[in-house]
Amino acid sequence: MSDEQGGFFKGLLKRVTGAPAPAEPPEPGTAPPATPEAPGFFTRLKNGLKKTTDGLVGRIDALVLGKKEINADTLEELEEILITSDIGVATTVELIRALEQRLSRQELKDGQALKSALKEELLSRLLACHQSFRPEGATPFVVLVVGVNGVGKTTTIGKLAARYAAEGKRVLLAAGDTFRAAAAEQLVVWGERAGVEVIRHQEGADPSAVAFDACKAAVARKTDLLIIDTAGRLHTKVNLMEEMKKIRRVIEREIPGAPHETLLVLDAATGQNALSQARLFKEAAGVSGLALTKLDGTAKGGIIVAISRECALPVRFIGIGESVDDLRDFDPQEFVNALFQA
């Protein structure tokens, strides 16, 4: 059959059946077509921050478009954009003052210079508090995970367990959220996926008892990393915060110096409410680091700057999706570049 007839019948087959025509074999001596690679993390981060970028950088672009000079009125309008983008009032005031100083030194000659200066100021504030998470220096290294209901604590714990187990660390999980129905079962599912064991009690048990058993087991098994889940405690409820303090006392008694990290998980989509949670949890639970989840799909990603700066807490991890690989170490430079789509 000639090439022309073959092409006709393939096209007819596609029209009749709706199926794609068979692929043509590669020419002899040529490489097969490359399979497109999945987008890298930076690309996914840029895509995840698109709503925040549109709400912040997009409005800044609209503000400075066509302006031949930057003046005090421009900075006043910029101040409103920053505040409504969840950068936070205190941090915004600080940023505007820094930009006013640059304006007085005639460093802000046009809109691009203003954007570049703002990017530099945001980055410097994130770097001032930045410190990567390093589960080293203690065996077991104990991480106590706290936060209100619905922020993604259990999912974050599961992703961390999978990550460090894949690195060869001996990981143990503790299902300290004994109040929420099926919370322990959810953690067990994550444990099975990661190939790590979960210490659990029956629903309604004392979470301090779970922490006690987990600490004993971690020491006996020479565990590298013990991650303890807690109930989604409302930061406005004094009695629940007192229970958190009790858990900490039990952990420290069994493993002196622990917990070595108290990780507060926050939902970035809650904006200023997340900032309020960070302040109160830091005071009541001794928070030492933050994990910001659900950055994809929110226009409130600017809250990272406000929380880091105003609470003087390092952002350890950010989440931009559902897969295990979508929970990553927070990199201030990468974040700011993605925010400005650089």
C-alpha atoms as a PDB file:
ATOM      1  CA  MET A   1       0.000   0.000   0.000  1.00  0.00           C
ATOM      2  CA  SER A   2       1.371   3.398  -0.943  1.00  0.00           C
ATOM      3  CA  ASP A   3       2.133   6.101   1.673  1.00  0.00           C
ATOM      4  CA  GLU A   4      -0.720   8.156   0.258  1.00  0.00           C
ATOM      5  CA  GLN A   5      -3.225   5.286   0.706  1.00  0.00           C
ATOM      6  CA  GLY A   6      -1.893   4.604   4.228  1.00  0.00           C
ATOM      7  CA  GLY A   7      -2.412   8.218   5.206  1.00  0.00           C
ATOM      8  CA  PHE A   8      -5.980   8.146   3.823  1.00  0.00           C
ATOM      9  CA  PHE A   9      -6.979   5.008   5.789  1.00  0.00           C
ATOM     10  CA  LYS A  10      -5.421   6.316   9.023  1.00  0.00           C
ATOM     11  CA  GLY A  11      -7.374   9.547   8.701  1.00  0.00           C
ATOM     12  CA  LEU A  12     -10.584   7.601   7.949  1.00  0.00           C
ATOM     13  CA  LEU A  13     -10.025   5.405  11.021  1.00  0.00           C
ATOM     14  CA  LYS A  14      -9.675   8.478  13.215  1.00  0.00           C
ATOM     15  CA  ARG A  15     -12.889  10.064  11.868  1.00  0.00           C
ATOM     16  CA  VAL A  16     -14.943   6.857  12.238  1.00  0.00           C
ATOM     17  CA  THR A  17     -13.737   5.684  15.658  1.00  0.00           C
ATOM     18  CA  GLY A  18     -12.632   8.959  17.230  1.00  0.00           C
ATOM     19  CA  ALA A  19      -9.325   7.289  18.099  1.00  0.00           C
ATOM     20  CA  PRO A  20      -6.039   9.000  17.385  1.00  0.00           C
ATOM     21  CA  ALA A  21      -4.217   7.793  14.319  1.00  0.00           C
ATOM     22  CA  PRO A  22      -1.296   5.423  14.987  1.00  0.00           C
ATOM     23  CA  ALA A  23       1.942   7.300  15.469  1.00  0.00           C
ATOM     24  CA  GLU A  24       4.355   7.267  12.583  1.00  0.00           C
ATOM     25  CA  PRO A  25       7.512   5.258  13.353  1.00  0.00           C
ATOM     26  CA  PRO A  26      10.658   7.370  13.650  1.00  0.00           C
ATOM     27  CA  GLU A  27      12.944   7.597  10.686  1.00  0.00           C
ATOM     28  CA  PRO A  28      15.840   5.133  10.860  1.00  0.00           C
ATOM     29  CA  GLY A  29      18.760   6.562  12.835  1.00  0.00           C
ATOM     30  CA  THR A  30      16.681   9.255  14.581  1.00  0.00           C
ATOM     31  CA  ALA A  31      15.937   9.434  18.321  1.00  0.00           C
ATOM     32  CA  PRO A  32      12.350   8.909  19.515  1.00  0.00           C
ATOM     33  CA  PRO A  33      10.490  12.079  20.520  1.00  0.00           C
ATOM     34  CA  ALA A  34      11.267  13.209  24.073  1.00  0.00           C
ATOM     35  CA  THR A  35       8.630  12.716  26.743  1.00  0.00           C
ATOM     36  CA  PRO A  36       7.698  16.115  28.201  1.00  0.00           C
ATOM     37  CA  GLU A  37       8.999  16.486  31.768  1.00  0.00           C
ATOM     38  CA  ALA A  38       6.747  17.388  34.670  1.00  0.00           C
ATOM     39  CA  PRO A  39       7.141  21.056  35.643  1.00  0.00           C
ATOM     40  CA  GLY A  40       9.825  21.718  38.256  1.00  0.00           C
ATOM     41  CA  PHE A  41       9.091  22.976  41.750  1.00  0.00           C
ATOM     42  CA  PHE A  42       9.866  26.613  40.890  1.00  0.00           C
ATOM     43  CA  THR A  43       7.370  26.522  38.033  1.00  0.00           C
ATOM     44  CA  ARG A  44       4.755  24.961  40.315  1.00  0.00           C
ATOM     45  CA  LEU A  45       5.541  27.601  42.936  1.00  0.00           C
ATOM     46  CA  LYS A  46       5.049  30.388  40.393  1.00  0.00           C
ATOM     47  CA  ASN A  47       1.753  28.831  39.312  1.00  0.00           C
ATOM     48  CA  GLY A  48       0.681  28.352  42.918  1.00  0.00           C
ATOM     49  CA  LEU A  49       1.411  31.983  43.746  1.00  0.00           C
ATOM     50  CA  LYS A  50      -0.375  33.326  40.677  1.00  0.00           C
ATOM     51  CA  LYS A  51      -3.380  34.644  42.609  1.00  0.00           C
ATOM     52  CA  THR A  52      -1.097  36.365  45.111  1.00  0.00           C
ATOM     53  CA  THR A  53       1.015  37.761  42.267  1.00  0.00           C
ATOM     54  CA  ASP A  54      -2.060  39.079  40.454  1.00  0.00           C
ATOM     55  CA  GLY A  55      -3.365  40.689  43.637  1.00  0.00           C
ATOM     56  CA  LEU A  56      -0.051  42.265  44.643  1.00  0.00           C
ATOM     57  CA  VAL A  57       2.370  42.701  41.742  1.00  0.00           C
ATOM     58  CA  GLY A  58      -0.431  43.065  39.203  1.00  0.00           C
ATOM     59  CA  ARG A  59      -1.920  45.972  41.144  1.00  0.00           C
ATOM     60  CA  ILE A  60       1.529  47.535  41.558  1.00  0.00           C
ATOM     61  CA  ASP A  61       2.030  47.328  37.790  1.00  0.00           C
ATOM     62  CA  ALA A  62      -1.318  49.041  37.269  1.00  0.00           C
ATOM     63  CA  LEU A  63      -0.319  51.729  39.776  1.00  0.00           C
ATOM     64  CA  VAL A  64       2.982  52.665  38.159  1.00  0.00           C
ATOM     65  CA  LEU A  65       2.002  52.077  34.524  1.00  0.00           C
ATOM     66  CA  GLY A  66       2.678  55.218  32.544  1.00  0.00           C
ATOM     67  CA  LYS A  67       3.958  57.211  35.513  1.00  0.00           C
ATOM     68  CA  LYS A  68       7.048  59.230  34.708  1.00  0.00           C
ATOM     69  CA  GLU A  69       8.031  59.677  38.327  1.00  0.00           C
ATOM     70  CA  ILE A  70       7.483  58.073  41.712  1.00  0.00           C
ATOM     71  CA  ASN A  71       6.343  60.447  44.446  1.00  0.00           C
ATOM     72  CA  ALA A  72       4.779  60.422  47.919  1.00  0.00           C
ATOM     73  CA  ASP A  73       1.297  59.963  46.459  1.00  0.00           C
ATOM     74  CA  THR A  74       2.473  56.825  44.652  1.00  0.00           C
ATOM     75  CA  LEU A  75       3.860  55.385  47.882  1.00  0.00           C
ATOM     76  CA  GLU A  76       0.598  56.172  49.663  1.00  0.00           C
ATOM     77  CA  GLU A  77      -1.320  54.167  47.073  1.00  0.00           C
ATOM     78  CA  LEU A  78       1.278  51.400  47.315  1.00  0.00           C
ATOM     79  CA  GLU A  79       0.726  51.297  51.063  1.00  0.00           C
ATOM     80  CA  GLU A  80      -2.961  50.508  50.537  1.00  0.00           C
ATOM     81  CA  ILE A  81      -2.079  47.739  48.066  1.00  0.00           C
ATOM     82  CA  LEU A  82       0.338  46.127  50.529  1.00  0.00           C
ATOM     83  CA  ILE A  83      -2.081  46.227  53.445  1.00  0.00           C
ATOM     84  CA  THR A  84      -4.929  44.737  51.417  1.00  0.00           C
ATOM     85  CA  SER A  85      -2.544  42.031  50.139  1.00  0.00           C
ATOM     86  CA  ASP A  86      -2.088  40.724  53.708  1.00  0.00           C
ATOM     87  CA  ILE A  87       1.479  41.986  54.087  1.00  0.00           C
ATOM     88  CA  GLY A  88       0.331  43.284  57.496  1.00  0.00           C
ATOM     89  CA  VAL A  89      -0.007  46.833  58.790  1.00  0.00           C
ATOM     90  CA  ALA A  90       3.199  46.902  60.840  1.00  0.00           C
ATOM     91  CA  THR A  91       5.295  45.346  58.074  1.00  0.00           C
ATOM     92  CA  THR A  92       3.723  47.619  55.455  1.00  0.00           C
ATOM     93  CA  VAL A  93       4.554  50.751  57.474  1.00  0.00           C
ATOM     94  CA  GLU A  94       8.124  49.527  57.782  1.00  0.00           C
ATOM     95  CA  LEU A  95       8.355  48.852  54.040  1.00  0.00           C
ATOM     96  CA  ILE A  96       6.921  52.250  53.086  1.00  0.00           C
ATOM     97  CA  ARG A  97       9.360  54.055  55.372  1.00  0.00           C
ATOM     98  CA  ALA A  98      12.256  52.207  53.756  1.00  0.00           C
ATOM     99  CA  LEU A  99      10.956  53.154  50.295  1.00  0.00           C
ATOM    100  CA  GLU A 100      10.500  56.786  51.368  1.00  0.00           C
ATOM    101  CA  GLN A 101      14.174  56.868  52.317  1.00  0.00           C
ATOM    102  CA  ARG A 102      15.082  55.497  48.910  1.00  0.00           C
ATOM    103  CA  LEU A 103      12.832  58.106  47.286  1.00  0.00           C
ATOM    104  CA  SER A 104      14.575  60.893  49.187  1.00  0.00           C
ATOM    105  CA  ARG A 105      17.889  59.564  47.842  1.00  0.00           C
ATOM    106  CA  GLN A 106      16.378  59.660  44.337  1.00  0.00           C
ATOM    107  CA  GLU A 107      16.720  55.897  43.913  1.00  0.00           C
ATOM    108  CA  LEU A 108      13.122  55.410  42.750  1.00  0.00           C
ATOM    109  CA  LYS A 109      13.135  57.015  39.329  1.00  0.00           C
ATOM    110  CA  ASP A 110      10.426  54.886  37.695  1.00  0.00           C
ATOM    111  CA  GLY A 111       8.019  52.024  38.231  1.00  0.00           C
ATOM    112  CA  GLN A 112      10.581  49.307  37.567  1.00  0.00           C
ATOM    113  CA  ALA A 113      12.937  50.815  40.139  1.00  0.00           C
ATOM    114  CA  LEU A 114      10.092  50.870  42.661  1.00  0.00           C
ATOM    115  CA  LYS A 115       9.286  47.197  42.032  1.00  0.00           C
ATOM    116  CA  SER A 116      12.932  46.208  42.325  1.00  0.00           C
ATOM    117  CA  ALA A 117      13.304  48.142  45.566  1.00  0.00           C
ATOM    118  CA  LEU A 118      10.161  46.578  47.026  1.00  0.00           C
ATOM    119  CA  LYS A 119      11.402  43.121  46.059  1.00  0.00           C
ATOM    120  CA  GLU A 120      14.710  43.780  47.818  1.00  0.00           C
ATOM    121  CA  GLU A 121      12.977  45.047  50.960  1.00  0.00           C
ATOM    122  CA  LEU A 122      10.640  42.045  51.115  1.00  0.00           C
ATOM    123  CA  LEU A 123      13.531  39.633  50.660  1.00  0.00           C
ATOM    124  CA  SER A 124      15.649  41.271  53.367  1.00  0.00           C
ATOM    125  CA  ARG A 125      12.821  40.887  55.892  1.00  0.00           C
ATOM    126  CA  LEU A 126      12.294  37.233  55.051  1.00  0.00           C
ATOM    127  CA  LEU A 127      16.017  36.519  55.242  1.00  0.00           C
ATOM    128  CA  ALA A 128      16.274  38.219  58.640  1.00  0.00           C
ATOM    129  CA  CYS A 129      14.228  35.424  60.266  1.00  0.00           C
ATOM    130  CA  HIS A 130      15.063  32.579  57.934  1.00  0.00           C
ATOM    131  CA  GLN A 131      16.491  29.353  59.279  1.00  0.00           C
ATOM    132  CA  SER A 132      16.150  25.983  57.585  1.00  0.00           C
ATOM    133  CA  PHE A 133      14.789  22.961  59.437  1.00  0.00           C
ATOM    134  CA  ARG A 134      17.566  20.550  60.395  1.00  0.00           C
ATOM    135  CA  PRO A 135      16.485  17.510  62.464  1.00  0.00           C
ATOM    136  CA  GLU A 136      19.966  16.965  63.853  1.00  0.00           C
ATOM    137  CA  GLY A 137      21.835  17.074  67.153  1.00  0.00           C
ATOM    138  CA  ALA A 138      19.520  14.795  69.146  1.00  0.00           C
ATOM    139  CA  THR A 139      18.340  11.193  68.917  1.00  0.00           C
ATOM    140  CA  PRO A 140      15.416  11.096  68.834  1.00  0.00           C
ATOM    141  CA  PHE A 141      14.808  14.561  67.410  1.00  0.00           C
ATOM    142  CA  VAL A 142      11.283  15.398  68.573  1.00  0.00           C
ATOM    143  CA  VAL A 143       8.903  17.597  66.583  1.00  0.00           C
ATOM    144  CA  LEU A 144       5.633  18.680  68.201  1.00  0.00           C
ATOM    145  CA  VAL A 145       3.111  19.788  65.578  1.00  0.00           C
ATOM    146  CA  VAL A 146       0.396  22.265  66.593  1.00  0.00           C
ATOM    147  CA  GLY A 147      -2.338  24.315  64.956  1.00  0.00           C
ATOM    148  CA  VAL A 148      -6.095  24.717  64.695  1.00  0.00           C
ATOM    149  CA  ASN A 149      -8.414  22.282  62.936  1.00  0.00           C
ATOM    150  CA  GLY A 150      -8.407  22.197  59.162  1.00  0.00           C
ATOM    151  CA  VAL A 151      -5.002  23.752  58.463  1.00  0.00           C
ATOM    152  CA  GLY A 152      -3.437  20.501  57.248  1.00  0.00           C
ATOM    153  CA  LYS A 153      -1.453  19.323  60.274  1.00  0.00           C
ATOM    154  CA  THR A 154      -1.900  15.596  59.690  1.00  0.00           C
ATOM    155  CA  THR A 155      -1.167  15.899  55.977  1.00  0.00           C
ATOM    156  CA  THR A 156       1.962  17.940  56.709  1.00  0.00           C
ATOM    157  CA  ILE A 157       3.133  15.299  59.206  1.00  0.00           C
ATOM    158  CA  GLY A 158       2.549  12.545  56.655  1.00  0.00           C
ATOM    159  CA  LYS A 159       4.552  14.372  53.997  1.00  0.00           C
ATOM    160  CA  LEU A 160       7.409  15.016  56.434  1.00  0.00           C
ATOM    161  CA  ALA A 161       7.419  11.352  57.458  1.00  0.00           C
ATOM    162  CA  ALA A 162       7.569  10.223  53.826  1.00  0.00           C
ATOM    163  CA  ARG A 163      10.363  12.658  53.071  1.00  0.00           C
ATOM    164  CA  TYR A 164      12.660  11.736  55.935  1.00  0.00           C
ATOM    165  CA  ALA A 165      11.922   8.016  55.722  1.00  0.00           C
ATOM    166  CA  ALA A 166      12.951   8.173  52.057  1.00  0.00           C
ATOM    167  CA  GLU A 167      16.211   9.775  53.200  1.00  0.00           C
ATOM    168  CA  GLY A 168      16.903   6.729  55.360  1.00  0.00           C
ATOM    169  CA  LYS A 169      15.940   8.143  58.739  1.00  0.00           C
ATOM    170  CA  ARG A 170      14.094   6.017  61.280  1.00  0.00           C
ATOM    171  CA  VAL A 171      10.812   7.876  61.737  1.00  0.00           C
ATOM    172  CA  LEU A 172       8.066   7.336  64.318  1.00  0.00           C
ATOM    173  CA  LEU A 173       4.706   9.119  64.420  1.00  0.00           C
ATOM    174  CA  ALA A 174       2.439   9.724  67.409  1.00  0.00           C
ATOM    175  CA  ALA A 175      -1.313  10.217  66.946  1.00  0.00           C
ATOM    176  CA  GLY A 176      -1.842  12.771  69.707  1.00  0.00           C
ATOM    177  CA  ASP A 177      -5.050  14.124  68.170  1.00  0.00           C
ATOM    178  CA  THR A 178      -7.347  11.859  70.176  1.00  0.00           C
ATOM    179  CA  PHE A 179     -10.367  14.190  70.017  1.00  0.00           C
ATOM    180  CA  ARG A 180     -11.131  14.388  66.317  1.00  0.00           C
ATOM    181  CA  ALA A 181     -12.953  11.403  64.883  1.00  0.00           C
ATOM    182  CA  ALA A 182     -10.751   9.304  62.590  1.00  0.00           C
ATOM    183  CA  ALA A 183      -7.717  11.565  63.130  1.00  0.00           C
ATOM    184  CA  ALA A 184      -5.560   8.628  64.209  1.00  0.00           C
ATOM    185  CA  GLU A 185      -6.785   6.542  61.272  1.00  0.00           C
ATOM    186  CA  GLN A 186      -5.796   9.333  58.893  1.00  0.00           C
ATOM    187  CA  LEU A 187      -2.298   9.428  60.373  1.00  0.00           C
ATOM    188  CA  VAL A 188      -2.032   5.634  60.181  1.00  0.00           C
ATOM    189  CA  VAL A 189      -2.798   5.793  56.452  1.00  0.00           C
ATOM    190  CA  TRP A 190       0.012   8.286  55.990  1.00  0.00           C
ATOM    191  CA  GLY A 191       2.284   6.095  58.100  1.00  0.00           C
ATOM    192  CA  GLU A 192       1.549   3.099  55.900  1.00  0.00           C
ATOM    193  CA  ARG A 193       2.328   5.113  52.776  1.00  0.00           C
ATOM    194  CA  ALA A 194       5.638   6.248  54.244  1.00  0.00           C
ATOM    195  CA  GLY A 195       6.449   2.867  55.750  1.00  0.00           C
ATOM    196  CA  VAL A 196       6.666   4.199  59.326  1.00  0.00           C
ATOM    197  CA  GLU A 197       4.938   3.085  62.524  1.00  0.00           C
ATOM    198  CA  VAL A 198       2.319   5.138  64.343  1.00  0.00           C
ATOM    199  CA  ILE A 199       1.838   5.104  68.126  1.00  0.00           C
ATOM    200  CA  ARG A 200      -1.855   5.547  68.893  1.00  0.00           C
ATOM    201  CA  HIS A 201      -4.457   5.115  71.629  1.00  0.00           C
ATOM    202  CA  GLN A 202      -8.202   4.824  71.426  1.00  0.00           C
ATOM    203  CA  GLU A 203     -10.310   7.853  70.574  1.00  0.00           C
ATOM    204  CA  GLY A 204     -10.780  10.189  73.535  1.00  0.00           C
ATOM    205  CA  ALA A 205      -7.624   9.048  75.338  1.00  0.00           C
ATOM    206  CA  ASP A 206      -5.325  11.470  77.140  1.00  0.00           C
ATOM    207  CA  PRO A 207      -2.986  12.931  74.466  1.00  0.00           C
ATOM    208  CA  SER A 208      -0.240  13.251  77.088  1.00  0.00           C
ATOM    209  CA  ALA A 209      -0.352   9.459  77.493  1.00  0.00           C
ATOM    210  CA  VAL A 210       0.158   9.057  73.746  1.00  0.00           C
ATOM    211  CA  ALA A 211       3.144  11.397  73.912  1.00  0.00           C
ATOM    212  CA  PHE A 212       4.538   9.424  76.866  1.00  0.00           C
ATOM    213  CA  ASP A 213       4.308   6.079  75.040  1.00  0.00           C
ATOM    214  CA  ALA A 214       5.736   7.576  71.864  1.00  0.00           C
ATOM    215  CA  CYS A 215       8.749   9.004  73.684  1.00  0.00           C
ATOM    216  CA  LYS A 216       9.402   5.649  75.397  1.00  0.00           C
ATOM    217  CA  ALA A 217       9.156   3.816  72.069  1.00  0.00           C
ATOM    218  CA  ALA A 218      11.367   6.331  70.246  1.00  0.00           C
ATOM    219  CA  VAL A 219      14.134   6.009  72.834  1.00  0.00           C
ATOM    220  CA  ALA A 220      13.937   2.206  72.939  1.00  0.00           C
ATOM    221  CA  ARG A 221      14.044   1.899  69.141  1.00  0.00           C
ATOM    222  CA  LYS A 222      16.762   4.537  68.664  1.00  0.00           C
ATOM    223  CA  THR A 223      14.444   6.504  66.414  1.00  0.00           C
ATOM    224  CA  ASP A 224      15.972   9.407  64.489  1.00  0.00           C
ATOM    225  CA  LEU A 225      12.817  11.509  64.206  1.00  0.00           C
ATOM    226  CA  LEU A 226       9.664  11.466  66.358  1.00  0.00           C
ATOM    227  CA  ILE A 227       6.782  13.604  65.087  1.00  0.00           C
ATOM    228  CA  ILE A 228       3.861  14.105  67.471  1.00  0.00           C
ATOM    229  CA  ASP A 229       0.470  15.230  66.184  1.00  0.00           C
ATOM    230  CA  THR A 230      -1.844  17.225  68.467  1.00  0.00           C
ATOM    231  CA  ALA A 231      -5.517  18.107  68.429  1.00  0.00           C
ATOM    232  CA  GLY A 232      -6.595  21.148  66.448  1.00  0.00           C
ATOM    233  CA  ARG A 233      -6.747  23.415  69.439  1.00  0.00           C
ATOM    234  CA  LEU A 234      -8.554  26.717  69.293  1.00  0.00           C
ATOM    235  CA  HIS A 235      -5.984  29.271  70.362  1.00  0.00           C
ATOM    236  CA  THR A 236      -8.695  31.243  72.196  1.00  0.00           C
ATOM    237  CA  LYS A 237      -9.474  28.349  74.573  1.00  0.00           C
ATOM    238  CA  VAL A 238      -7.313  28.588  77.688  1.00  0.00           C
ATOM    239  CA  ASN A 239      -8.000  25.032  78.903  1.00  0.00           C
ATOM    240  CA  LEU A 240      -6.916  23.526  75.606  1.00  0.00           C
ATOM    241  CA  MET A 241      -3.708  25.514  75.642  1.00  0.00           C
ATOM    242  CA  GLU A 242      -3.069  24.262  79.174  1.00  0.00           C
ATOM    243  CA  GLU A 243      -3.380  20.718  77.841  1.00  0.00           C
ATOM    244  CA  MET A 244      -0.740  21.594  75.241  1.00  0.00           C
ATOM    245  CA  LYS A 245       1.599  22.692  78.026  1.00  0.00           C
ATOM    246  CA  LYS A 246       1.004  19.377  79.792  1.00  0.00           C
ATOM    247  CA  ILE A 247       2.033  17.471  76.655  1.00  0.00           C
ATOM    248  CA  ARG A 248       5.237  19.501  76.485  1.00  0.00           C
ATOM    249  CA  ARG A 249       6.050  18.749  80.126  1.00  0.00           C
ATOM    250  CA  VAL A 250       5.621  15.003  79.545  1.00  0.00           C
ATOM    251  CA  ILE A 251       7.854  15.088  76.456  1.00  0.00           C
ATOM    252  CA  GLU A 252      10.591  17.045  78.224  1.00  0.00           C
ATOM    253  CA  ARG A 253      10.512  14.722  81.226  1.00  0.00           C
ATOM    254  CA  GLU A 254      11.016  11.649  79.049  1.00  0.00           C
ATOM    255  CA  ILE A 255      13.487  13.208  76.588  1.00  0.00           C
ATOM    256  CA  PRO A 256      15.419  16.104  78.164  1.00  0.00           C
ATOM    257  CA  GLY A 257      15.610  19.074  75.823  1.00  0.00           C
ATOM    258  CA  ALA A 258      12.619  17.953  73.777  1.00  0.00           C
ATOM    259  CA  PRO A 259      10.585  18.962  71.905  1.00  0.00           C
ATOM    260  CA  HIS A 260      13.432  20.201  69.750  1.00  0.00           C
ATOM    261  CA  GLU A 261      11.018  21.837  67.325  1.00  0.00           C
ATOM    262  CA  THR A 262       7.453  23.028  67.837  1.00  0.00           C
ATOM    263  CA  LEU A 263       6.059  23.420  64.346  1.00  0.00           C
ATOM    264  CA  LEU A 264       2.947  25.545  63.889  1.00  0.00           C
ATOM    265  CA  VAL A 265       0.963  24.687  60.761  1.00  0.00           C
ATOM    266  CA  LEU A 266      -1.021  27.579  59.300  1.00  0.00           C
ATOM    267  CA  ASP A 267      -3.421  27.815  56.385  1.00  0.00           C
ATOM    268  CA  ALA A 268      -2.121  30.672  54.218  1.00  0.00           C
ATOM    269  CA  ALA A 269      -5.618  31.223  52.822  1.00  0.00           C
ATOM    270  CA  THR A 270      -6.839  32.548  56.197  1.00  0.00           C
ATOM    271  CA  GLY A 271      -4.704  35.673  55.883  1.00  0.00           C
ATOM    272  CA  GLN A 272      -4.680  37.887  58.953  1.00  0.00           C
ATOM    273  CA  ASN A 273      -6.300  35.155  61.041  1.00  0.00           C
ATOM    274  CA  ALA A 274      -3.157  33.094  60.493  1.00  0.00           C
ATOM    275  CA  LEU A 275      -1.107  35.981  61.877  1.00  0.00           C
ATOM    276  CA  SER A 276      -3.306  36.053  64.979  1.00  0.00           C
ATOM    277  CA  GLN A 277      -2.864  32.292  65.439  1.00  0.00           C
ATOM    278  CA  ALA A 278       0.915  32.605  65.106  1.00  0.00           C
ATOM    279  CA  ARG A 279       1.107  35.261  67.823  1.00  0.00           C
ATOM    280  CA  LEU A 280      -0.996  33.320  70.312  1.00  0.00           C
ATOM    281  CA  PHE A 281       0.531  29.900  69.652  1.00  0.00           C
ATOM    282  CA  LYS A 282       4.021  31.353  69.958  1.00  0.00           C
ATOM    283  CA  GLU A 283       3.146  32.669  73.414  1.00  0.00           C
ATOM    284  CA  ALA A 284       1.288  29.588  74.646  1.00  0.00           C
ATOM    285  CA  ALA A 285       3.067  26.688  72.944  1.00  0.00           C
ATOM    286  CA  GLY A 286       6.644  27.872  72.422  1.00  0.00           C
ATOM    287  CA  VAL A 287       6.450  27.722  68.632  1.00  0.00           C
ATOM    288  CA  SER A 288       9.878  27.678  66.971  1.00  0.00           C
ATOM    289  CA  GLY A 289       8.972  27.321  63.292  1.00  0.00           C
ATOM    290  CA  LEU A 290       6.123  27.590  60.801  1.00  0.00           C
ATOM    291  CA  ALA A 291       4.674  25.558  57.964  1.00  0.00           C
ATOM    292  CA  LEU A 292       2.415  27.499  55.576  1.00  0.00           C
ATOM    293  CA  THR A 293       0.009  25.264  53.660  1.00  0.00           C
ATOM    294  CA  LYS A 294      -2.412  25.824  50.786  1.00  0.00           C
ATOM    295  CA  LEU A 295      -0.429  28.595  49.126  1.00  0.00           C
ATOM    296  CA  ASP A 296      -1.818  27.398  45.824  1.00  0.00           C
ATOM    297  CA  GLY A 297      -5.270  28.781  45.277  1.00  0.00           C
ATOM    298  CA  THR A 298      -5.017  31.770  47.624  1.00  0.00           C
ATOM    299  CA  ALA A 299      -4.421  35.455  46.968  1.00  0.00           C
ATOM    300  CA  LYS A 300      -3.135  35.877  50.530  1.00  0.00           C
ATOM    301  CA  GLY A 301       0.391  34.517  50.128  1.00  0.00           C
ATOM    302  CA  GLY A 302       1.758  37.852  51.325  1.00  0.00           C
ATOM    303  CA  ILE A 303       0.888  36.755  54.861  1.00  0.00           C
ATOM    304  CA  ILE A 304       4.210  34.860  54.897  1.00  0.00           C
ATOM    305  CA  VAL A 305       6.055  38.181  55.088  1.00  0.00           C
ATOM    306  CA  ALA A 306       3.813  39.521  57.858  1.00  0.00           C
ATOM    307  CA  ILE A 307       4.052  36.411  60.041  1.00  0.00           C
ATOM    308  CA  SER A 308       7.784  35.945  59.614  1.00  0.00           C
ATOM    309  CA  ARG A 309       8.541  39.597  60.325  1.00  0.00           C
ATOM    310  CA  GLU A 310       6.023  40.452  63.042  1.00  0.00           C
ATOM    311  CA  CYS A 311       6.343  37.172  64.964  1.00  0.00           C
ATOM    312  CA  ALA A 312      10.103  36.760  64.386  1.00  0.00           C
ATOM    313  CA  LEU A 313       9.542  33.121  63.423  1.00  0.00           C
ATOM    314  CA  PRO A 314      11.231  31.237  60.590  1.00  0.00           C
ATOM    315  CA  VAL A 315       9.058  29.699  57.904  1.00  0.00           C
ATOM    316  CA  ARG A 316      10.369  26.129  57.653  1.00  0.00           C
ATOM    317  CA  PHE A 317       8.061  24.678  55.002  1.00  0.00           C
ATOM    318  CA  ILE A 318       5.528  25.770  52.413  1.00  0.00           C
ATOM    319  CA  GLY A 319       2.871  23.662  50.736  1.00  0.00           C
ATOM    320  CA  ILE A 320       1.653  24.339  47.197  1.00  0.00           C
ATOM    321  CA  GLY A 321      -0.257  21.157  46.386  1.00  0.00           C
ATOM    322  CA  GLU A 322      -1.436  17.733  47.445  1.00  0.00           C
ATOM    323  CA  SER A 323       1.494  15.537  46.460  1.00  0.00           C
ATOM    324  CA  VAL A 324       4.331  14.645  48.834  1.00  0.00           C
ATOM    325  CA  ASP A 325       6.777  16.671  46.749  1.00  0.00           C
ATOM    326  CA  ASP A 326       4.655  19.801  47.118  1.00  0.00           C
ATOM    327  CA  LEU A 327       5.774  20.350  50.725  1.00  0.00           C
ATOM    328  CA  ARG A 328       9.196  21.968  50.458  1.00  0.00           C
ATOM    329  CA  ASP A 329      11.755  23.824  52.507  1.00  0.00           C
ATOM    330  CA  PHE A 330      11.020  27.522  52.388  1.00  0.00           C
ATOM    331  CA  ASP A 331      13.560  29.480  50.344  1.00  0.00           C
ATOM    332  CA  PRO A 332      13.058  33.276  50.666  1.00  0.00           C
ATOM    333  CA  GLN A 333      14.870  34.072  47.418  1.00  0.00           C
ATOM    334  CA  GLU A 334      12.890  31.460  45.503  1.00  0.00           C
ATOM    335  CA  PHE A 335       9.632  32.673  47.027  1.00  0.00           C
ATOM    336  CA  VAL A 336      10.204  36.343  46.164  1.00  0.00           C
ATOM    337  CA  ASN A 337      11.338  35.466  42.632  1.00  0.00           C
ATOM    338  CA  ALA A 338       8.208  33.373  42.142  1.00  0.00           C
ATOM    339  CA  LEU A 339       6.016  36.126  43.600  1.00  0.00           C
ATOM    340  CA  PHE A 340       7.409  38.648  41.147  1.00  0.00           C
ATOM    341  CA  GLN A 341       7.442  35.979  38.406  1.00  0.00           C
ATOM    342  CA  ALA A 342      11.176  36.554  37.920  1.00  0.00           C
END
